[in-house]
Amino acid sequence: DNAKNTVYLQMDSLKPEDTAVYYCNMPTIAETVWGQGTQVTVSS
């Protein structure tokens, strides 16, 4: 949603192997910007 300056990731049917830290990334001309990450843990 560019009006909100926001990107989303809808994750359905999650599996234990999806467990990870998820990072947002924006490659600009000057630099590649990374977020700090958010932990996703999927229990079996």
ModelCIF file with pLDDT and N, C-alpha, C, O atoms, coordinates in Angstrom:
data_MODEL
#
_entry.id   MODEL 
#
_entity.id                         1 
_entity.type                       polymer 
_entity.pdbx_number_of_molecules   1 
#
_entity_poly.entity_id                      1 
_entity_poly.type                           'polypeptide(L)' 
_entity_poly.nstd_linkage                   no 
_entity_poly.nstd_monomer                   no 
_entity_poly.pdbx_seq_one_letter_code       DNAKNTVYLQMDSLKPEDTAVYYCNMPTIAETVWGQGTQVTVSS 
_entity_poly.pdbx_seq_one_letter_code_can   DNAKNTVYLQMDSLKPEDTAVYYCNMPTIAETVWGQGTQVTVSS 
_entity_poly.pdbx_strand_id                 A 
#
loop_
_entity_poly_seq.entity_id 
_entity_poly_seq.num 
_entity_poly_seq.mon_id 
_entity_poly_seq.hetero 
1 1  ASP n 
1 2  ASN n 
1 3  ALA n 
1 4  LYS n 
1 5  ASN n 
1 6  THR n 
1 7  VAL n 
1 8  TYR n 
1 9  LEU n 
1 10 GLN n 
1 11 MET n 
1 12 ASP n 
1 13 SER n 
1 14 LEU n 
1 15 LYS n 
1 16 PRO n 
1 17 GLU n 
1 18 ASP n 
1 19 THR n 
1 20 ALA n 
1 21 VAL n 
1 22 TYR n 
1 23 TYR n 
1 24 CYS n 
1 25 ASN n 
1 26 MET n 
1 27 PRO n 
1 28 THR n 
1 29 ILE n 
1 30 ALA n 
1 31 GLU n 
1 32 THR n 
1 33 VAL n 
1 34 TRP n 
1 35 GLY n 
1 36 GLN n 
1 37 GLY n 
1 38 THR n 
1 39 GLN n 
1 40 VAL n 
1 41 THR n 
1 42 VAL n 
1 43 SER n 
1 44 SER n 
#
_struct_asym.id          A 
_struct_asym.entity_id   1 
#
loop_
_ma_qa_metric.id 
_ma_qa_metric.mode 
_ma_qa_metric.name 
_ma_qa_metric.software_group_id 
_ma_qa_metric.type 
1 global pLDDT . pLDDT 
2 local  pLDDT . pLDDT 
#
_ma_qa_metric_global.metric_id      1 
_ma_qa_metric_global.metric_value   95.91 
_ma_qa_metric_global.model_id       1 
_ma_qa_metric_global.ordinal_id     1 
#
loop_
_ma_qa_metric_local.label_asym_id 
_ma_qa_metric_local.label_comp_id 
_ma_qa_metric_local.label_seq_id 
_ma_qa_metric_local.metric_id 
_ma_qa_metric_local.metric_value 
_ma_qa_metric_local.model_id 
_ma_qa_metric_local.ordinal_id 
A ASP 1  2 97.00 1 1  
A ASN 2  2 96.00 1 2  
A ALA 3  2 96.00 1 3  
A LYS 4  2 97.00 1 4  
A ASN 5  2 97.00 1 5  
A THR 6  2 97.00 1 6  
A VAL 7  2 98.00 1 7  
A TYR 8  2 98.00 1 8  
A LEU 9  2 98.00 1 9  
A GLN 10 2 98.00 1 10 
A MET 11 2 98.00 1 11 
A ASP 12 2 98.00 1 12 
A SER 13 2 98.00 1 13 
A LEU 14 2 98.00 1 14 
A LYS 15 2 98.00 1 15 
A PRO 16 2 97.00 1 16 
A GLU 17 2 97.00 1 17 
A ASP 18 2 98.00 1 18 
A THR 19 2 98.00 1 19 
A ALA 20 2 98.00 1 20 
A VAL 21 2 98.00 1 21 
A TYR 22 2 98.00 1 22 
A TYR 23 2 98.00 1 23 
A CYS 24 2 97.00 1 24 
A ASN 25 2 95.00 1 25 
A MET 26 2 94.00 1 26 
A PRO 27 2 92.00 1 27 
A THR 28 2 87.00 1 28 
A ILE 29 2 86.00 1 29 
A ALA 30 2 86.00 1 30 
A GLU 31 2 88.00 1 31 
A THR 32 2 92.00 1 32 
A VAL 33 2 94.00 1 33 
A TRP 34 2 96.00 1 34 
A GLY 35 2 96.00 1 35 
A GLN 36 2 96.00 1 36 
A GLY 37 2 97.00 1 37 
A THR 38 2 98.00 1 38 
A GLN 39 2 98.00 1 39 
A VAL 40 2 98.00 1 40 
A THR 41 2 98.00 1 41 
A VAL 42 2 98.00 1 42 
A SER 43 2 97.00 1 43 
A SER 44 2 93.00 1 44 
#
loop_
_atom_site.group_PDB 
_atom_site.id 
_atom_site.type_symbol 
_atom_site.label_atom_id 
_atom_site.label_alt_id 
_atom_site.label_comp_id 
_atom_site.label_asym_id 
_atom_site.label_entity_id 
_atom_site.label_seq_id 
_atom_site.pdbx_PDB_ins_code 
_atom_site.Cartn_x 
_atom_site.Cartn_y 
_atom_site.Cartn_z 
_atom_site.occupancy 
_atom_site.B_iso_or_equiv 
_atom_site.pdbx_formal_charge 
_atom_site.auth_seq_id 
_atom_site.auth_comp_id 
_atom_site.auth_asym_id 
_atom_site.auth_atom_id 
_atom_site.pdbx_PDB_model_num 
ATOM 1   N N  . ASP A 1 1  ? 0.875  -1.161  0.000  1.00 97.00 ? 1  ASP A N  1 
ATOM 2   C CA . ASP A 1 1  ? 0.000  0.000   0.000  1.00 97.00 ? 1  ASP A CA 1 
ATOM 3   C C  . ASP A 1 1  ? 0.919  1.220   0.000  1.00 97.00 ? 1  ASP A C  1 
ATOM 4   O O  . ASP A 1 1  ? 1.385  1.657   1.052  1.00 97.00 ? 1  ASP A O  1 
ATOM 5   N N  . ASN A 1 2  ? 1.169  1.754   -1.170 1.00 96.00 ? 2  ASN A N  1 
ATOM 6   C CA . ASN A 1 2  ? 2.123  2.867   -1.276 1.00 96.00 ? 2  ASN A CA 1 
ATOM 7   C C  . ASN A 1 2  ? 1.633  4.105   -0.526 1.00 96.00 ? 2  ASN A C  1 
ATOM 8   O O  . ASN A 1 2  ? 2.442  4.894   -0.038 1.00 96.00 ? 2  ASN A O  1 
ATOM 9   N N  . ALA A 1 3  ? 0.340  4.274   -0.436 1.00 96.00 ? 3  ALA A N  1 
ATOM 10  C CA . ALA A 1 3  ? -0.189 5.431   0.300  1.00 96.00 ? 3  ALA A CA 1 
ATOM 11  C C  . ALA A 1 3  ? 0.154  5.349   1.787  1.00 96.00 ? 3  ALA A C  1 
ATOM 12  O O  . ALA A 1 3  ? 0.268  6.371   2.464  1.00 96.00 ? 3  ALA A O  1 
ATOM 13  N N  . LYS A 1 4  ? 0.317  4.118   2.287  1.00 97.00 ? 4  LYS A N  1 
ATOM 14  C CA . LYS A 1 4  ? 0.685  3.921   3.685  1.00 97.00 ? 4  LYS A CA 1 
ATOM 15  C C  . LYS A 1 4  ? 2.164  3.614   3.851  1.00 97.00 ? 4  LYS A C  1 
ATOM 16  O O  . LYS A 1 4  ? 2.636  3.367   4.961  1.00 97.00 ? 4  LYS A O  1 
ATOM 17  N N  . ASN A 1 5  ? 2.894  3.630   2.735  1.00 97.00 ? 5  ASN A N  1 
ATOM 18  C CA . ASN A 1 5  ? 4.341  3.339   2.795  1.00 97.00 ? 5  ASN A CA 1 
ATOM 19  C C  . ASN A 1 5  ? 4.610  1.992   3.453  1.00 97.00 ? 5  ASN A C  1 
ATOM 20  O O  . ASN A 1 5  ? 5.543  1.845   4.242  1.00 97.00 ? 5  ASN A O  1 
ATOM 21  N N  . THR A 1 6  ? 3.775  1.011   3.115  1.00 97.00 ? 6  THR A N  1 
ATOM 22  C CA . THR A 1 6  ? 3.798  -0.273  3.810  1.00 97.00 ? 6  THR A CA 1 
ATOM 23  C C  . THR A 1 6  ? 3.747  -1.432  2.826  1.00 97.00 ? 6  THR A C  1 
ATOM 24  O O  . THR A 1 6  ? 3.063  -1.381  1.803  1.00 97.00 ? 6  THR A O  1 
ATOM 25  N N  . VAL A 1 7  ? 4.489  -2.474  3.165  1.00 98.00 ? 7  VAL A N  1 
ATOM 26  C CA . VAL A 1 7  ? 4.458  -3.727  2.427  1.00 98.00 ? 7  VAL A CA 1 
ATOM 27  C C  . VAL A 1 7  ? 3.999  -4.827  3.380  1.00 98.00 ? 7  VAL A C  1 
ATOM 28  O O  . VAL A 1 7  ? 4.315  -4.807  4.570  1.00 98.00 ? 7  VAL A O  1 
ATOM 29  N N  . TYR A 1 8  ? 3.252  -5.783  2.840  1.00 98.00 ? 8  TYR A N  1 
ATOM 30  C CA . TYR A 1 8  ? 2.695  -6.852  3.668  1.00 98.00 ? 8  TYR A CA 1 
ATOM 31  C C  . TYR A 1 8  ? 3.150  -8.216  3.151  1.00 98.00 ? 8  TYR A C  1 
ATOM 32  O O  . TYR A 1 8  ? 3.492  -8.377  1.980  1.00 98.00 ? 8  TYR A O  1 
ATOM 33  N N  . LEU A 1 9  ? 3.143  -9.178  4.049  1.00 98.00 ? 9  LEU A N  1 
ATOM 34  C CA . LEU A 1 9  ? 3.330  -10.575 3.665  1.00 98.00 ? 9  LEU A CA 1 
ATOM 35  C C  . LEU A 1 9  ? 2.273  -11.389 4.399  1.00 98.00 ? 9  LEU A C  1 
ATOM 36  O O  . LEU A 1 9  ? 2.371  -11.607 5.606  1.00 98.00 ? 9  LEU A O  1 
ATOM 37  N N  . GLN A 1 10 ? 1.266  -11.833 3.661  1.00 98.00 ? 10 GLN A N  1 
ATOM 38  C CA . GLN A 1 10 ? 0.241  -12.702 4.219  1.00 98.00 ? 10 GLN A CA 1 
ATOM 39  C C  . GLN A 1 10 ? 0.735  -14.137 4.113  1.00 98.00 ? 10 GLN A C  1 
ATOM 40  O O  . GLN A 1 10 ? 1.048  -14.612 3.021  1.00 98.00 ? 10 GLN A O  1 
ATOM 41  N N  . MET A 1 11 ? 0.804  -14.819 5.234  1.00 98.00 ? 11 MET A N  1 
ATOM 42  C CA . MET A 1 11 ? 1.340  -16.173 5.276  1.00 98.00 ? 11 MET A CA 1 
ATOM 43  C C  . MET A 1 11 ? 0.250  -17.108 5.768  1.00 98.00 ? 11 MET A C  1 
ATOM 44  O O  . MET A 1 11 ? -0.198 -17.014 6.911  1.00 98.00 ? 11 MET A O  1 
ATOM 45  N N  . ASP A 1 12 ? -0.172 -18.012 4.893  1.00 98.00 ? 12 ASP A N  1 
ATOM 46  C CA . ASP A 1 12 ? -1.215 -18.983 5.221  1.00 98.00 ? 12 ASP A CA 1 
ATOM 47  C C  . ASP A 1 12 ? -0.639 -20.399 5.166  1.00 98.00 ? 12 ASP A C  1 
ATOM 48  O O  . ASP A 1 12 ? 0.435  -20.631 4.611  1.00 98.00 ? 12 ASP A O  1 
ATOM 49  N N  . SER A 1 13 ? -1.367 -21.321 5.745  1.00 98.00 ? 13 SER A N  1 
ATOM 50  C CA . SER A 1 13 ? -0.942 -22.730 5.756  1.00 98.00 ? 13 SER A CA 1 
ATOM 51  C C  . SER A 1 13 ? 0.502  -22.868 6.204  1.00 98.00 ? 13 SER A C  1 
ATOM 52  O O  . SER A 1 13 ? 1.296  -23.566 5.574  1.00 98.00 ? 13 SER A O  1 
ATOM 53  N N  . LEU A 1 14 ? 0.825  -22.212 7.269  1.00 98.00 ? 14 LEU A N  1 
ATOM 54  C CA . LEU A 1 14 ? 2.203  -22.192 7.754  1.00 98.00 ? 14 LEU A CA 1 
ATOM 55  C C  . LEU A 1 14 ? 2.675  -23.574 8.179  1.00 98.00 ? 14 LEU A C  1 
ATOM 56  O O  . LEU A 1 14 ? 1.905  -24.389 8.690  1.00 98.00 ? 14 LEU A O  1 
ATOM 57  N N  . LYS A 1 15 ? 3.957  -23.814 7.955  1.00 98.00 ? 15 LYS A N  1 
ATOM 58  C CA . LYS A 1 15 ? 4.593  -25.087 8.284  1.00 98.00 ? 15 LYS A CA 1 
ATOM 59  C C  . LYS A 1 15 ? 5.749  -24.826 9.260  1.00 98.00 ? 15 LYS A C  1 
ATOM 60  O O  . LYS A 1 15 ? 6.267  -23.711 9.319  1.00 98.00 ? 15 LYS A O  1 
ATOM 61  N N  . PRO A 1 16 ? 6.145  -25.828 10.007 1.00 97.00 ? 16 PRO A N  1 
ATOM 62  C CA . PRO A 1 16 ? 7.284  -25.646 10.915 1.00 97.00 ? 16 PRO A CA 1 
ATOM 63  C C  . PRO A 1 16 ? 8.545  -25.162 10.192 1.00 97.00 ? 16 PRO A C  1 
ATOM 64  O O  . PRO A 1 16 ? 9.346  -24.422 10.763 1.00 97.00 ? 16 PRO A O  1 
ATOM 65  N N  . GLU A 1 17 ? 8.716  -25.578 8.941  1.00 97.00 ? 17 GLU A N  1 
ATOM 66  C CA . GLU A 1 17 ? 9.906  -25.144 8.201  1.00 97.00 ? 17 GLU A CA 1 
ATOM 67  C C  . GLU A 1 17 ? 9.846  -23.672 7.780  1.00 97.00 ? 17 GLU A C  1 
ATOM 68  O O  . GLU A 1 17 ? 10.818 -23.153 7.232  1.00 97.00 ? 17 GLU A O  1 
ATOM 69  N N  . ASP A 1 18 ? 8.737  -23.004 8.024  1.00 98.00 ? 18 ASP A N  1 
ATOM 70  C CA . ASP A 1 18 ? 8.657  -21.560 7.794  1.00 98.00 ? 18 ASP A CA 1 
ATOM 71  C C  . ASP A 1 18 ? 9.223  -20.761 8.970  1.00 98.00 ? 18 ASP A C  1 
ATOM 72  O O  . ASP A 1 18 ? 9.335  -19.538 8.894  1.00 98.00 ? 18 ASP A O  1 
ATOM 73  N N  . THR A 1 19 ? 9.573  -21.442 10.041 1.00 98.00 ? 19 THR A N  1 
ATOM 74  C CA . THR A 1 19 ? 10.141 -20.770 11.206 1.00 98.00 ? 19 THR A CA 1 
ATOM 75  C C  . THR A 1 19 ? 11.437 -20.066 10.831 1.00 98.00 ? 19 THR A C  1 
ATOM 76  O O  . THR A 1 19 ? 12.363 -20.686 10.309 1.00 98.00 ? 19 THR A O  1 
ATOM 77  N N  . ALA A 1 20 ? 11.492 -18.770 11.101 1.00 98.00 ? 20 ALA A N  1 
ATOM 78  C CA . ALA A 1 20 ? 12.656 -17.960 10.721 1.00 98.00 ? 20 ALA A CA 1 
ATOM 79  C C  . ALA A 1 20 ? 12.436 -16.527 11.203 1.00 98.00 ? 20 ALA A C  1 
ATOM 80  O O  . ALA A 1 20 ? 11.355 -16.162 11.665 1.00 98.00 ? 20 ALA A O  1 
ATOM 81  N N  . VAL A 1 21 ? 13.481 -15.743 11.083 1.00 98.00 ? 21 VAL A N  1 
ATOM 82  C CA . VAL A 1 21 ? 13.339 -14.293 11.216 1.00 98.00 ? 21 VAL A CA 1 
ATOM 83  C C  . VAL A 1 21 ? 13.064 -13.747 9.820  1.00 98.00 ? 21 VAL A C  1 
ATOM 84  O O  . VAL A 1 21 ? 13.784 -14.051 8.869  1.00 98.00 ? 21 VAL A O  1 
ATOM 85  N N  . TYR A 1 22 ? 12.022 -12.942 9.709  1.00 98.00 ? 22 TYR A N  1 
ATOM 86  C CA . TYR A 1 22 ? 11.618 -12.400 8.422  1.00 98.00 ? 22 TYR A CA 1 
ATOM 87  C C  . TYR A 1 22 ? 12.023 -10.921 8.341  1.00 98.00 ? 22 TYR A C  1 
ATOM 88  O O  . TYR A 1 22 ? 11.775 -10.129 9.249  1.00 98.00 ? 22 TYR A O  1 
ATOM 89  N N  . TYR A 1 23 ? 12.655 -10.593 7.216  1.00 98.00 ? 23 TYR A N  1 
ATOM 90  C CA . TYR A 1 23 ? 13.187 -9.250  7.015  1.00 98.00 ? 23 TYR A CA 1 
ATOM 91  C C  . TYR A 1 23 ? 12.564 -8.594  5.782  1.00 98.00 ? 23 TYR A C  1 
ATOM 92  O O  . TYR A 1 23 ? 12.340 -9.231  4.753  1.00 98.00 ? 23 TYR A O  1 
ATOM 93  N N  . CYS A 1 24 ? 12.300 -7.323  5.925  1.00 97.00 ? 24 CYS A N  1 
ATOM 94  C CA . CYS A 1 24 ? 11.869 -6.505  4.802  1.00 97.00 ? 24 CYS A CA 1 
ATOM 95  C C  . CYS A 1 24 ? 13.115 -5.896  4.161  1.00 97.00 ? 24 CYS A C  1 
ATOM 96  O O  . CYS A 1 24 ? 14.088 -5.593  4.851  1.00 97.00 ? 24 CYS A O  1 
ATOM 97  N N  . ASN A 1 25 ? 13.081 -5.721  2.851  1.00 95.00 ? 25 ASN A N  1 
ATOM 98  C CA . ASN A 1 25 ? 14.249 -5.252  2.112  1.00 95.00 ? 25 ASN A CA 1 
ATOM 99  C C  . ASN A 1 25 ? 13.819 -4.298  1.005  1.00 95.00 ? 25 ASN A C  1 
ATOM 100 O O  . ASN A 1 25 ? 12.841 -4.544  0.300  1.00 95.00 ? 25 ASN A O  1 
ATOM 101 N N  . MET A 1 26 ? 14.569 -3.200  0.865  1.00 94.00 ? 26 MET A N  1 
ATOM 102 C CA . MET A 1 26 ? 14.281 -2.219  -0.172 1.00 94.00 ? 26 MET A CA 1 
ATOM 103 C C  . MET A 1 26 ? 15.589 -1.827  -0.862 1.00 94.00 ? 26 MET A C  1 
ATOM 104 O O  . MET A 1 26 ? 16.402 -1.105  -0.286 1.00 94.00 ? 26 MET A O  1 
ATOM 105 N N  . PRO A 1 27 ? 15.793 -2.300  -2.092 1.00 92.00 ? 27 PRO A N  1 
ATOM 106 C CA . PRO A 1 27 ? 17.018 -1.951  -2.815 1.00 92.00 ? 27 PRO A CA 1 
ATOM 107 C C  . PRO A 1 27 ? 16.858 -0.622  -3.531 1.00 92.00 ? 27 PRO A C  1 
ATOM 108 O O  . PRO A 1 27 ? 16.157 -0.549  -4.541 1.00 92.00 ? 27 PRO A O  1 
ATOM 109 N N  . THR A 1 28 ? 17.500 0.442   -3.026 1.00 87.00 ? 28 THR A N  1 
ATOM 110 C CA . THR A 1 28 ? 17.469 1.737   -3.690 1.00 87.00 ? 28 THR A CA 1 
ATOM 111 C C  . THR A 1 28 ? 18.764 1.945   -4.469 1.00 87.00 ? 28 THR A C  1 
ATOM 112 O O  . THR A 1 28 ? 19.662 1.104   -4.427 1.00 87.00 ? 28 THR A O  1 
ATOM 113 N N  . ILE A 1 29 ? 18.854 3.040   -5.160 1.00 86.00 ? 29 ILE A N  1 
ATOM 114 C CA . ILE A 1 29 ? 20.073 3.344   -5.903 1.00 86.00 ? 29 ILE A CA 1 
ATOM 115 C C  . ILE A 1 29 ? 21.248 3.570   -4.944 1.00 86.00 ? 29 ILE A C  1 
ATOM 116 O O  . ILE A 1 29 ? 22.365 3.120   -5.200 1.00 86.00 ? 29 ILE A O  1 
ATOM 117 N N  . ALA A 1 30 ? 20.981 4.271   -3.841 1.00 86.00 ? 30 ALA A N  1 
ATOM 118 C CA . ALA A 1 30 ? 22.047 4.629   -2.909 1.00 86.00 ? 30 ALA A CA 1 
ATOM 119 C C  . ALA A 1 30 ? 22.461 3.475   -2.011 1.00 86.00 ? 30 ALA A C  1 
ATOM 120 O O  . ALA A 1 30 ? 23.640 3.339   -1.685 1.00 86.00 ? 30 ALA A O  1 
ATOM 121 N N  . GLU A 1 31 ? 21.520 2.650   -1.611 1.00 88.00 ? 31 GLU A N  1 
ATOM 122 C CA . GLU A 1 31 ? 21.819 1.590   -0.652 1.00 88.00 ? 31 GLU A CA 1 
ATOM 123 C C  . GLU A 1 31 ? 20.695 0.565   -0.662 1.00 88.00 ? 31 GLU A C  1 
ATOM 124 O O  . GLU A 1 31 ? 19.617 0.796   -1.211 1.00 88.00 ? 31 GLU A O  1 
ATOM 125 N N  . THR A 1 32 ? 20.979 -0.575  -0.038 1.00 92.00 ? 32 THR A N  1 
ATOM 126 C CA . THR A 1 32 ? 19.938 -1.565  0.215  1.00 92.00 ? 32 THR A CA 1 
ATOM 127 C C  . THR A 1 32 ? 19.563 -1.464  1.680  1.00 92.00 ? 32 THR A C  1 
ATOM 128 O O  . THR A 1 32 ? 20.409 -1.609  2.562  1.00 92.00 ? 32 THR A O  1 
ATOM 129 N N  . VAL A 1 33 ? 18.308 -1.219  1.929  1.00 94.00 ? 33 VAL A N  1 
ATOM 130 C CA . VAL A 1 33 ? 17.832 -0.992  3.288  1.00 94.00 ? 33 VAL A CA 1 
ATOM 131 C C  . VAL A 1 33 ? 17.199 -2.276  3.820  1.00 94.00 ? 33 VAL A C  1 
ATOM 132 O O  . VAL A 1 33 ? 16.409 -2.926  3.135  1.00 94.00 ? 33 VAL A O  1 
ATOM 133 N N  . TRP A 1 34 ? 17.556 -2.626  5.039  1.00 96.00 ? 34 TRP A N  1 
ATOM 134 C CA . TRP A 1 34 ? 17.004 -3.794  5.727  1.00 96.00 ? 34 TRP A CA 1 
ATOM 135 C C  . TRP A 1 34 ? 16.286 -3.354  7.004  1.00 96.00 ? 34 TRP A C  1 
ATOM 136 O O  . TRP A 1 34 ? 16.691 -2.399  7.668  1.00 96.00 ? 34 TRP A O  1 
ATOM 137 N N  . GLY A 1 35 ? 15.227 -4.066  7.324  1.00 96.00 ? 35 GLY A N  1 
ATOM 138 C CA . GLY A 1 35 ? 14.611 -3.890  8.615  1.00 96.00 ? 35 GLY A CA 1 
ATOM 139 C C  . GLY A 1 35 ? 15.324 -4.725  9.665  1.00 96.00 ? 35 GLY A C  1 
ATOM 140 O O  . GLY A 1 35 ? 16.287 -5.431  9.367  1.00 96.00 ? 35 GLY A O  1 
ATOM 141 N N  . GLN A 1 36 ? 14.835 -4.636  10.907 1.00 96.00 ? 36 GLN A N  1 
ATOM 142 C CA . GLN A 1 36 ? 15.476 -5.357  12.011 1.00 96.00 ? 36 GLN A CA 1 
ATOM 143 C C  . GLN A 1 36 ? 14.995 -6.803  12.102 1.00 96.00 ? 36 GLN A C  1 
ATOM 144 O O  . GLN A 1 36 ? 15.602 -7.618  12.797 1.00 96.00 ? 36 GLN A O  1 
ATOM 145 N N  . GLY A 1 37 ? 13.922 -7.117  11.413 1.00 97.00 ? 37 GLY A N  1 
ATOM 146 C CA . GLY A 1 37 ? 13.411 -8.482  11.393 1.00 97.00 ? 37 GLY A CA 1 
ATOM 147 C C  . GLY A 1 37 ? 12.320 -8.732  12.414 1.00 97.00 ? 37 GLY A C  1 
ATOM 148 O O  . GLY A 1 37 ? 12.241 -8.058  13.442 1.00 97.00 ? 37 GLY A O  1 
ATOM 149 N N  . THR A 1 38 ? 11.482 -9.708  12.117 1.00 98.00 ? 38 THR A N  1 
ATOM 150 C CA . THR A 1 38 ? 10.444 -10.138 13.050 1.00 98.00 ? 38 THR A CA 1 
ATOM 151 C C  . THR A 1 38 ? 10.436 -11.665 13.077 1.00 98.00 ? 38 THR A C  1 
ATOM 152 O O  . THR A 1 38 ? 10.481 -12.311 12.030 1.00 98.00 ? 38 THR A O  1 
ATOM 153 N N  . GLN A 1 39 ? 10.380 -12.233 14.271 1.00 98.00 ? 39 GLN A N  1 
ATOM 154 C CA . GLN A 1 39 ? 10.467 -13.677 14.427 1.00 98.00 ? 39 GLN A CA 1 
ATOM 155 C C  . GLN A 1 39 ? 9.122  -14.339 14.162 1.00 98.00 ? 39 GLN A C  1 
ATOM 156 O O  . GLN A 1 39 ? 8.091  -13.922 14.692 1.00 98.00 ? 39 GLN A O  1 
ATOM 157 N N  . VAL A 1 40 ? 9.151  -15.366 13.341 1.00 98.00 ? 40 VAL A N  1 
ATOM 158 C CA . VAL A 1 40 ? 7.985  -16.219 13.096 1.00 98.00 ? 40 VAL A CA 1 
ATOM 159 C C  . VAL A 1 40 ? 8.345  -17.632 13.530 1.00 98.00 ? 40 VAL A C  1 
ATOM 160 O O  . VAL A 1 40 ? 9.326  -18.206 13.059 1.00 98.00 ? 40 VAL A O  1 
ATOM 161 N N  . THR A 1 41 ? 7.549  -18.181 14.422 1.00 98.00 ? 41 THR A N  1 
ATOM 162 C CA . THR A 1 41 ? 7.773  -19.537 14.903 1.00 98.00 ? 41 THR A CA 1 
ATOM 163 C C  . THR A 1 41 ? 6.508  -20.351 14.682 1.00 98.00 ? 41 THR A C  1 
ATOM 164 O O  . THR A 1 41 ? 5.430  -19.976 15.144 1.00 98.00 ? 41 THR A O  1 
ATOM 165 N N  . VAL A 1 42 ? 6.645  -21.465 13.976 1.00 98.00 ? 42 VAL A N  1 
ATOM 166 C CA . VAL A 1 42 ? 5.510  -22.331 13.669 1.00 98.00 ? 42 VAL A CA 1 
ATOM 167 C C  . VAL A 1 42 ? 5.712  -23.654 14.397 1.00 98.00 ? 42 VAL A C  1 
ATOM 168 O O  . VAL A 1 42 ? 6.684  -24.370 14.156 1.00 98.00 ? 42 VAL A O  1 
ATOM 169 N N  . SER A 1 43 ? 4.789  -23.962 15.280 1.00 97.00 ? 43 SER A N  1 
ATOM 170 C CA . SER A 1 43 ? 4.897  -25.207 16.048 1.00 97.00 ? 43 SER A CA 1 
ATOM 171 C C  . SER A 1 43 ? 4.137  -26.328 15.342 1.00 97.00 ? 43 SER A C  1 
ATOM 172 O O  . SER A 1 43 ? 3.129  -26.098 14.674 1.00 97.00 ? 43 SER A O  1 
ATOM 173 N N  . SER A 1 44 ? 4.642  -27.529 15.508 1.00 93.00 ? 44 SER A N  1 
ATOM 174 C CA . SER A 1 44 ? 4.005  -28.693 14.850 1.00 93.00 ? 44 SER A CA 1 
ATOM 175 C C  . SER A 1 44 ? 2.922  -29.309 15.721 1.00 93.00 ? 44 SER A C  1 
ATOM 176 O O  . SER A 1 44 ? 2.292  -30.289 15.322 1.00 93.00 ? 44 SER A O  1 
#
